[in-house]
Amino acid sequence: MNTNYDRVDFSRDKISVAIRNSTIPAPRDAVIRDLGQEWIGPVCSPDYLRTAGLRSPADLSRAVLLSTQTRPEAWSDWLAAAGYADLSLEPKRSFEHFYLMIQAAACGLGVAVVPHMLVISEVKAGRLVAPFGFVPGQRLLKLWIASHLGDRADLRVLEKWLVSEMRSIVPREVAGKVLEAPSTTVAEA
């Protein structure tokens, strides 16, 4: 398993498949499959939500906004996707990776914009809340398969399983606001 978040060279990196978002260029010879759209939204701890008094997106201007070096444009992406492009928000604290930023939000250090799929379990457990829900972002999730392995039966099974899992975690919404995250189960491949 390789957990980098950049370009992939299947031969050099000795990997068969990669999951990436659509902003990263795929290797020229990769077999590319769609896994679905990434949903994004701000999250924070329940205590932070109460103490910061976040009742509308405009209230975020007085919150501590967290960002990650791997996606510094996350706040502007969410503002545009959610229809709040007129708001001007600047992150105040930055972390190296999503994982660290999510932990900071769970610890009450501020509000972070994250992909829904990275915080499903924390939201379900009540460690994080999404006060303004999740919206479809600009990124699409892609499965890249090394071209020389594209016809293997085991990789077709993996692809089918991944597509099924990705569809099972699409947020449920009413009138554009996510009410709950769907139940997530891990099926056997």
C-alpha atoms as a PDB file:
ATOM      1  CA  MET A   1       0.000   0.000   0.000  1.00  0.00           C
ATOM      2  CA  ASN A   2       1.296   3.414  -0.964  1.00  0.00           C
ATOM      3  CA  THR A   3      -0.381   6.381   0.739  1.00  0.00           C
ATOM      4  CA  ASN A   4       1.125   9.255  -1.207  1.00  0.00           C
ATOM      5  CA  TYR A   5      -1.244  11.850  -2.614  1.00  0.00           C
ATOM      6  CA  ASP A   6       0.533  12.808  -5.814  1.00  0.00           C
ATOM      7  CA  ARG A   7       1.302  11.312  -9.206  1.00  0.00           C
ATOM      8  CA  VAL A   8       1.866   7.587  -9.612  1.00  0.00           C
ATOM      9  CA  ASP A   9       4.288   5.615 -11.722  1.00  0.00           C
ATOM     10  CA  PHE A  10       3.015   2.036 -11.580  1.00  0.00           C
ATOM     11  CA  SER A  11       6.400   0.485 -12.430  1.00  0.00           C
ATOM     12  CA  ARG A  12       8.559   2.705 -10.237  1.00  0.00           C
ATOM     13  CA  ASP A  13       6.162   2.590  -7.283  1.00  0.00           C
ATOM     14  CA  LYS A  14       5.472  -1.161  -7.736  1.00  0.00           C
ATOM     15  CA  ILE A  15       1.714  -0.765  -7.411  1.00  0.00           C
ATOM     16  CA  SER A  16      -1.216  -2.044  -9.476  1.00  0.00           C
ATOM     17  CA  VAL A  17      -3.998   0.412  -8.636  1.00  0.00           C
ATOM     18  CA  ALA A  18      -4.382   3.899  -7.207  1.00  0.00           C
ATOM     19  CA  ILE A  19      -7.308   6.012  -6.061  1.00  0.00           C
ATOM     20  CA  ARG A  20      -6.893   9.690  -6.857  1.00  0.00           C
ATOM     21  CA  ASN A  21      -9.009  12.764  -7.327  1.00  0.00           C
ATOM     22  CA  SER A  22      -9.498  14.269 -10.749  1.00  0.00           C
ATOM     23  CA  THR A  23      -7.110  17.171 -10.167  1.00  0.00           C
ATOM     24  CA  ILE A  24      -4.091  14.852 -10.315  1.00  0.00           C
ATOM     25  CA  PRO A  25      -3.043  13.850 -13.839  1.00  0.00           C
ATOM     26  CA  ALA A  26      -3.242  10.103 -14.437  1.00  0.00           C
ATOM     27  CA  PRO A  27      -0.363   8.185 -15.985  1.00  0.00           C
ATOM     28  CA  ARG A  28      -0.732   8.221 -19.776  1.00  0.00           C
ATOM     29  CA  ASP A  29      -1.321   4.478 -20.019  1.00  0.00           C
ATOM     30  CA  ALA A  30      -3.583   4.007 -16.962  1.00  0.00           C
ATOM     31  CA  VAL A  31      -6.994   2.394 -17.209  1.00  0.00           C
ATOM     32  CA  ILE A  32      -9.265   4.959 -15.527  1.00  0.00           C
ATOM     33  CA  ARG A  33     -12.591   4.220 -13.852  1.00  0.00           C
ATOM     34  CA  ASP A  34     -14.977   6.674 -12.165  1.00  0.00           C
ATOM     35  CA  LEU A  35     -15.662   6.106  -8.479  1.00  0.00           C
ATOM     36  CA  GLY A  36     -17.967   9.076  -7.957  1.00  0.00           C
ATOM     37  CA  GLN A  37     -18.006  12.662  -6.840  1.00  0.00           C
ATOM     38  CA  GLU A  38     -16.317  13.896  -3.699  1.00  0.00           C
ATOM     39  CA  TRP A  39     -18.654  15.598  -1.206  1.00  0.00           C
ATOM     40  CA  ILE A  40     -17.135  18.285   1.016  1.00  0.00           C
ATOM     41  CA  GLY A  41     -18.185  20.298   4.034  1.00  0.00           C
ATOM     42  CA  PRO A  42     -17.030  22.004   7.217  1.00  0.00           C
ATOM     43  CA  VAL A  43     -16.776  19.938  10.391  1.00  0.00           C
ATOM     44  CA  CYS A  44     -15.951  20.708  13.995  1.00  0.00           C
ATOM     45  CA  SER A  45     -16.435  19.228  17.439  1.00  0.00           C
ATOM     46  CA  PRO A  46     -19.897  19.607  19.008  1.00  0.00           C
ATOM     47  CA  ASP A  47     -18.358  21.716  21.804  1.00  0.00           C
ATOM     48  CA  TYR A  48     -16.677  24.054  19.317  1.00  0.00           C
ATOM     49  CA  LEU A  49     -19.969  24.443  17.454  1.00  0.00           C
ATOM     50  CA  ARG A  50     -21.701  25.530  20.673  1.00  0.00           C
ATOM     51  CA  THR A  51     -18.993  27.861  21.950  1.00  0.00           C
ATOM     52  CA  ALA A  52     -18.356  29.501  18.560  1.00  0.00           C
ATOM     53  CA  GLY A  53     -22.087  29.964  17.927  1.00  0.00           C
ATOM     54  CA  LEU A  54     -21.969  28.762  14.343  1.00  0.00           C
ATOM     55  CA  ARG A  55     -25.545  29.158  13.100  1.00  0.00           C
ATOM     56  CA  SER A  56     -24.896  30.214   9.501  1.00  0.00           C
ATOM     57  CA  PRO A  57     -21.937  30.099   7.125  1.00  0.00           C
ATOM     58  CA  ALA A  58     -21.380  33.840   7.734  1.00  0.00           C
ATOM     59  CA  ASP A  59     -20.540  32.965  11.370  1.00  0.00           C
ATOM     60  CA  LEU A  60     -17.433  31.156  10.103  1.00  0.00           C
ATOM     61  CA  SER A  61     -15.739  34.559   9.736  1.00  0.00           C
ATOM     62  CA  ARG A  62     -15.170  34.609  13.505  1.00  0.00           C
ATOM     63  CA  ALA A  63     -14.174  30.928  13.795  1.00  0.00           C
ATOM     64  CA  VAL A  64     -10.703  29.421  13.749  1.00  0.00           C
ATOM     65  CA  LEU A  65     -10.531  27.932  10.255  1.00  0.00           C
ATOM     66  CA  LEU A  66      -8.219  24.978   9.779  1.00  0.00           C
ATOM     67  CA  SER A  67      -6.550  24.014   6.508  1.00  0.00           C
ATOM     68  CA  THR A  68      -4.205  21.378   5.165  1.00  0.00           C
ATOM     69  CA  GLN A  69      -1.088  21.812   3.074  1.00  0.00           C
ATOM     70  CA  THR A  70      -2.290  19.039   0.763  1.00  0.00           C
ATOM     71  CA  ARG A  71      -5.398  21.055  -0.170  1.00  0.00           C
ATOM     72  CA  PRO A  72      -4.960  24.730   0.737  1.00  0.00           C
ATOM     73  CA  GLU A  73      -7.888  25.726  -1.494  1.00  0.00           C
ATOM     74  CA  ALA A  74     -10.448  23.613   0.415  1.00  0.00           C
ATOM     75  CA  TRP A  75     -12.274  26.594   1.927  1.00  0.00           C
ATOM     76  CA  SER A  76     -12.647  28.428  -1.379  1.00  0.00           C
ATOM     77  CA  ASP A  77     -13.731  25.155  -3.033  1.00  0.00           C
ATOM     78  CA  TRP A  78     -16.456  24.658  -0.410  1.00  0.00           C
ATOM     79  CA  LEU A  79     -17.605  28.280  -0.562  1.00  0.00           C
ATOM     80  CA  ALA A  80     -18.026  28.031  -4.337  1.00  0.00           C
ATOM     81  CA  ALA A  81     -19.701  24.599  -4.244  1.00  0.00           C
ATOM     82  CA  ALA A  82     -22.089  25.583  -1.440  1.00  0.00           C
ATOM     83  CA  GLY A  83     -23.083  28.876  -3.061  1.00  0.00           C
ATOM     84  CA  TYR A  84     -21.292  31.180  -0.626  1.00  0.00           C
ATOM     85  CA  ALA A  85     -18.653  32.569  -3.007  1.00  0.00           C
ATOM     86  CA  ASP A  86     -19.400  36.076  -1.705  1.00  0.00           C
ATOM     87  CA  LEU A  87     -17.991  35.171   1.728  1.00  0.00           C
ATOM     88  CA  SER A  88     -14.294  35.766   2.284  1.00  0.00           C
ATOM     89  CA  LEU A  89     -12.767  33.274   4.698  1.00  0.00           C
ATOM     90  CA  GLU A  90      -9.084  32.804   5.507  1.00  0.00           C
ATOM     91  CA  PRO A  91      -7.742  29.746   7.337  1.00  0.00           C
ATOM     92  CA  LYS A  92      -5.826  30.536  10.505  1.00  0.00           C
ATOM     93  CA  ARG A  93      -4.037  27.227  11.183  1.00  0.00           C
ATOM     94  CA  SER A  94      -2.535  24.772   8.723  1.00  0.00           C
ATOM     95  CA  PHE A  95      -1.652  21.104   9.090  1.00  0.00           C
ATOM     96  CA  GLU A  96       0.434  18.799   6.908  1.00  0.00           C
ATOM     97  CA  HIS A  97      -2.273  16.247   6.136  1.00  0.00           C
ATOM     98  CA  PHE A  98      -6.044  15.775   6.337  1.00  0.00           C
ATOM     99  CA  TYR A  99      -5.673  13.270   9.172  1.00  0.00           C
ATOM    100  CA  LEU A 100      -3.963  15.820  11.436  1.00  0.00           C
ATOM    101  CA  MET A 101      -6.453  18.548  10.554  1.00  0.00           C
ATOM    102  CA  ILE A 102      -9.414  16.241  11.225  1.00  0.00           C
ATOM    103  CA  GLN A 103      -7.952  15.333  14.624  1.00  0.00           C
ATOM    104  CA  ALA A 104      -7.473  19.039  15.404  1.00  0.00           C
ATOM    105  CA  ALA A 105     -11.135  19.702  14.554  1.00  0.00           C
ATOM    106  CA  ALA A 106     -12.245  16.751  16.710  1.00  0.00           C
ATOM    107  CA  CYS A 107     -10.190  18.166  19.593  1.00  0.00           C
ATOM    108  CA  GLY A 108     -12.044  21.494  19.363  1.00  0.00           C
ATOM    109  CA  LEU A 109      -9.285  23.574  17.776  1.00  0.00           C
ATOM    110  CA  GLY A 110     -11.465  24.934  14.964  1.00  0.00           C
ATOM    111  CA  VAL A 111     -13.423  24.133  11.812  1.00  0.00           C
ATOM    112  CA  ALA A 112     -12.064  22.132   8.861  1.00  0.00           C
ATOM    113  CA  VAL A 113     -13.411  21.552   5.349  1.00  0.00           C
ATOM    114  CA  VAL A 114     -13.016  17.883   4.531  1.00  0.00           C
ATOM    115  CA  PRO A 115     -14.229  15.212   2.145  1.00  0.00           C
ATOM    116  CA  HIS A 116     -17.253  13.463   3.630  1.00  0.00           C
ATOM    117  CA  MET A 117     -15.743  10.008   3.202  1.00  0.00           C
ATOM    118  CA  LEU A 118     -12.845  10.879   5.521  1.00  0.00           C
ATOM    119  CA  VAL A 119     -15.095  11.765   8.468  1.00  0.00           C
ATOM    120  CA  ILE A 120     -18.057   9.403   8.212  1.00  0.00           C
ATOM    121  CA  SER A 121     -17.169   7.443  11.335  1.00  0.00           C
ATOM    122  CA  GLU A 122     -16.352  10.562  13.385  1.00  0.00           C
ATOM    123  CA  VAL A 123     -19.684  12.179  12.442  1.00  0.00           C
ATOM    124  CA  LYS A 124     -21.611   8.982  13.202  1.00  0.00           C
ATOM    125  CA  ALA A 125     -19.859   8.668  16.565  1.00  0.00           C
ATOM    126  CA  GLY A 126     -20.655  12.300  17.435  1.00  0.00           C
ATOM    127  CA  ARG A 127     -17.009  13.379  17.700  1.00  0.00           C
ATOM    128  CA  LEU A 128     -17.565  15.738  14.760  1.00  0.00           C
ATOM    129  CA  VAL A 129     -20.589  17.597  13.450  1.00  0.00           C
ATOM    130  CA  ALA A 130     -21.192  19.077  10.002  1.00  0.00           C
ATOM    131  CA  PRO A 131     -23.188  22.220  10.825  1.00  0.00           C
ATOM    132  CA  PHE A 132     -23.824  23.166   7.183  1.00  0.00           C
ATOM    133  CA  GLY A 133     -23.870  19.689   5.676  1.00  0.00           C
ATOM    134  CA  PHE A 134     -21.876  18.402   2.729  1.00  0.00           C
ATOM    135  CA  VAL A 135     -22.156  19.406  -0.908  1.00  0.00           C
ATOM    136  CA  PRO A 136     -20.785  17.865  -4.092  1.00  0.00           C
ATOM    137  CA  GLY A 137     -17.332  19.342  -4.642  1.00  0.00           C
ATOM    138  CA  GLN A 138     -15.445  19.910  -7.865  1.00  0.00           C
ATOM    139  CA  ARG A 139     -13.325  16.780  -7.573  1.00  0.00           C
ATOM    140  CA  LEU A 140     -14.198  13.373  -8.944  1.00  0.00           C
ATOM    141  CA  LEU A 141     -12.669  10.244  -7.494  1.00  0.00           C
ATOM    142  CA  LYS A 142     -10.900   7.975  -9.957  1.00  0.00           C
ATOM    143  CA  LEU A 143      -9.533   4.464  -9.863  1.00  0.00           C
ATOM    144  CA  TRP A 144      -6.343   4.091 -11.863  1.00  0.00           C
ATOM    145  CA  ILE A 145      -5.296   0.609 -12.925  1.00  0.00           C
ATOM    146  CA  ALA A 146      -1.910  -0.212 -14.467  1.00  0.00           C
ATOM    147  CA  SER A 147      -2.591  -0.807 -18.180  1.00  0.00           C
ATOM    148  CA  HIS A 148      -0.988  -4.242 -18.254  1.00  0.00           C
ATOM    149  CA  LEU A 149      -3.321  -5.392 -15.433  1.00  0.00           C
ATOM    150  CA  GLY A 150      -6.625  -3.938 -16.645  1.00  0.00           C
ATOM    151  CA  ASP A 151      -8.095  -7.284 -17.719  1.00  0.00           C
ATOM    152  CA  ARG A 152      -7.322  -9.241 -14.546  1.00  0.00           C
ATOM    153  CA  ALA A 153     -10.397 -10.788 -12.936  1.00  0.00           C
ATOM    154  CA  ASP A 154      -9.293  -9.899  -9.393  1.00  0.00           C
ATOM    155  CA  LEU A 155      -8.932  -6.226 -10.326  1.00  0.00           C
ATOM    156  CA  ARG A 156     -12.386  -6.215 -11.930  1.00  0.00           C
ATOM    157  CA  VAL A 157     -13.756  -7.593  -8.634  1.00  0.00           C
ATOM    158  CA  LEU A 158     -11.859  -4.893  -6.712  1.00  0.00           C
ATOM    159  CA  GLU A 159     -13.227  -2.229  -9.045  1.00  0.00           C
ATOM    160  CA  LYS A 160     -16.814  -3.482  -8.634  1.00  0.00           C
ATOM    161  CA  TRP A 161     -16.437  -3.563  -4.851  1.00  0.00           C
ATOM    162  CA  LEU A 162     -14.940  -0.039  -4.733  1.00  0.00           C
ATOM    163  CA  VAL A 163     -17.720   1.396  -6.895  1.00  0.00           C
ATOM    164  CA  SER A 164     -20.323  -0.256  -4.647  1.00  0.00           C
ATOM    165  CA  GLU A 165     -18.661   1.052  -1.479  1.00  0.00           C
ATOM    166  CA  MET A 166     -18.347   4.570  -2.877  1.00  0.00           C
ATOM    167  CA  ARG A 167     -22.032   4.618  -3.804  1.00  0.00           C
ATOM    168  CA  SER A 168     -22.958   3.434  -0.306  1.00  0.00           C
ATOM    169  CA  ILE A 169     -21.309   6.459   1.342  1.00  0.00           C
ATOM    170  CA  VAL A 170     -22.942   9.219  -0.701  1.00  0.00           C
ATOM    171  CA  PRO A 171     -24.502  11.574   1.860  1.00  0.00           C
ATOM    172  CA  ARG A 172     -28.285  11.632   2.185  1.00  0.00           C
ATOM    173  CA  GLU A 173     -29.686  15.084   1.678  1.00  0.00           C
ATOM    174  CA  VAL A 174     -32.886  17.063   1.612  1.00  0.00           C
ATOM    175  CA  ALA A 175     -33.027  20.436  -0.144  1.00  0.00           C
ATOM    176  CA  GLY A 176     -29.261  20.538  -0.526  1.00  0.00           C
ATOM    177  CA  LYS A 177     -28.462  19.946   3.151  1.00  0.00           C
ATOM    178  CA  VAL A 178     -27.141  16.608   4.306  1.00  0.00           C
ATOM    179  CA  LEU A 179     -29.210  15.217   7.136  1.00  0.00           C
ATOM    180  CA  GLU A 180     -27.269  12.080   7.860  1.00  0.00           C
ATOM    181  CA  ALA A 181     -24.422  10.001   6.603  1.00  0.00           C
ATOM    182  CA  PRO A 182     -25.456   6.625   5.258  1.00  0.00           C
ATOM    183  CA  SER A 183     -24.491   3.503   7.119  1.00  0.00           C
ATOM    184  CA  THR A 184     -21.155   2.217   5.974  1.00  0.00           C
ATOM    185  CA  THR A 185     -20.464  -1.454   5.817  1.00  0.00           C
ATOM    186  CA  VAL A 186     -17.353  -3.138   4.603  1.00  0.00           C
ATOM    187  CA  ALA A 187     -18.290  -5.902   2.225  1.00  0.00           C
ATOM    188  CA  GLU A 188     -16.008  -8.791   1.495  1.00  0.00           C
ATOM    189  CA  ALA A 189     -14.326  -8.478  -1.871  1.00  0.00           C
END
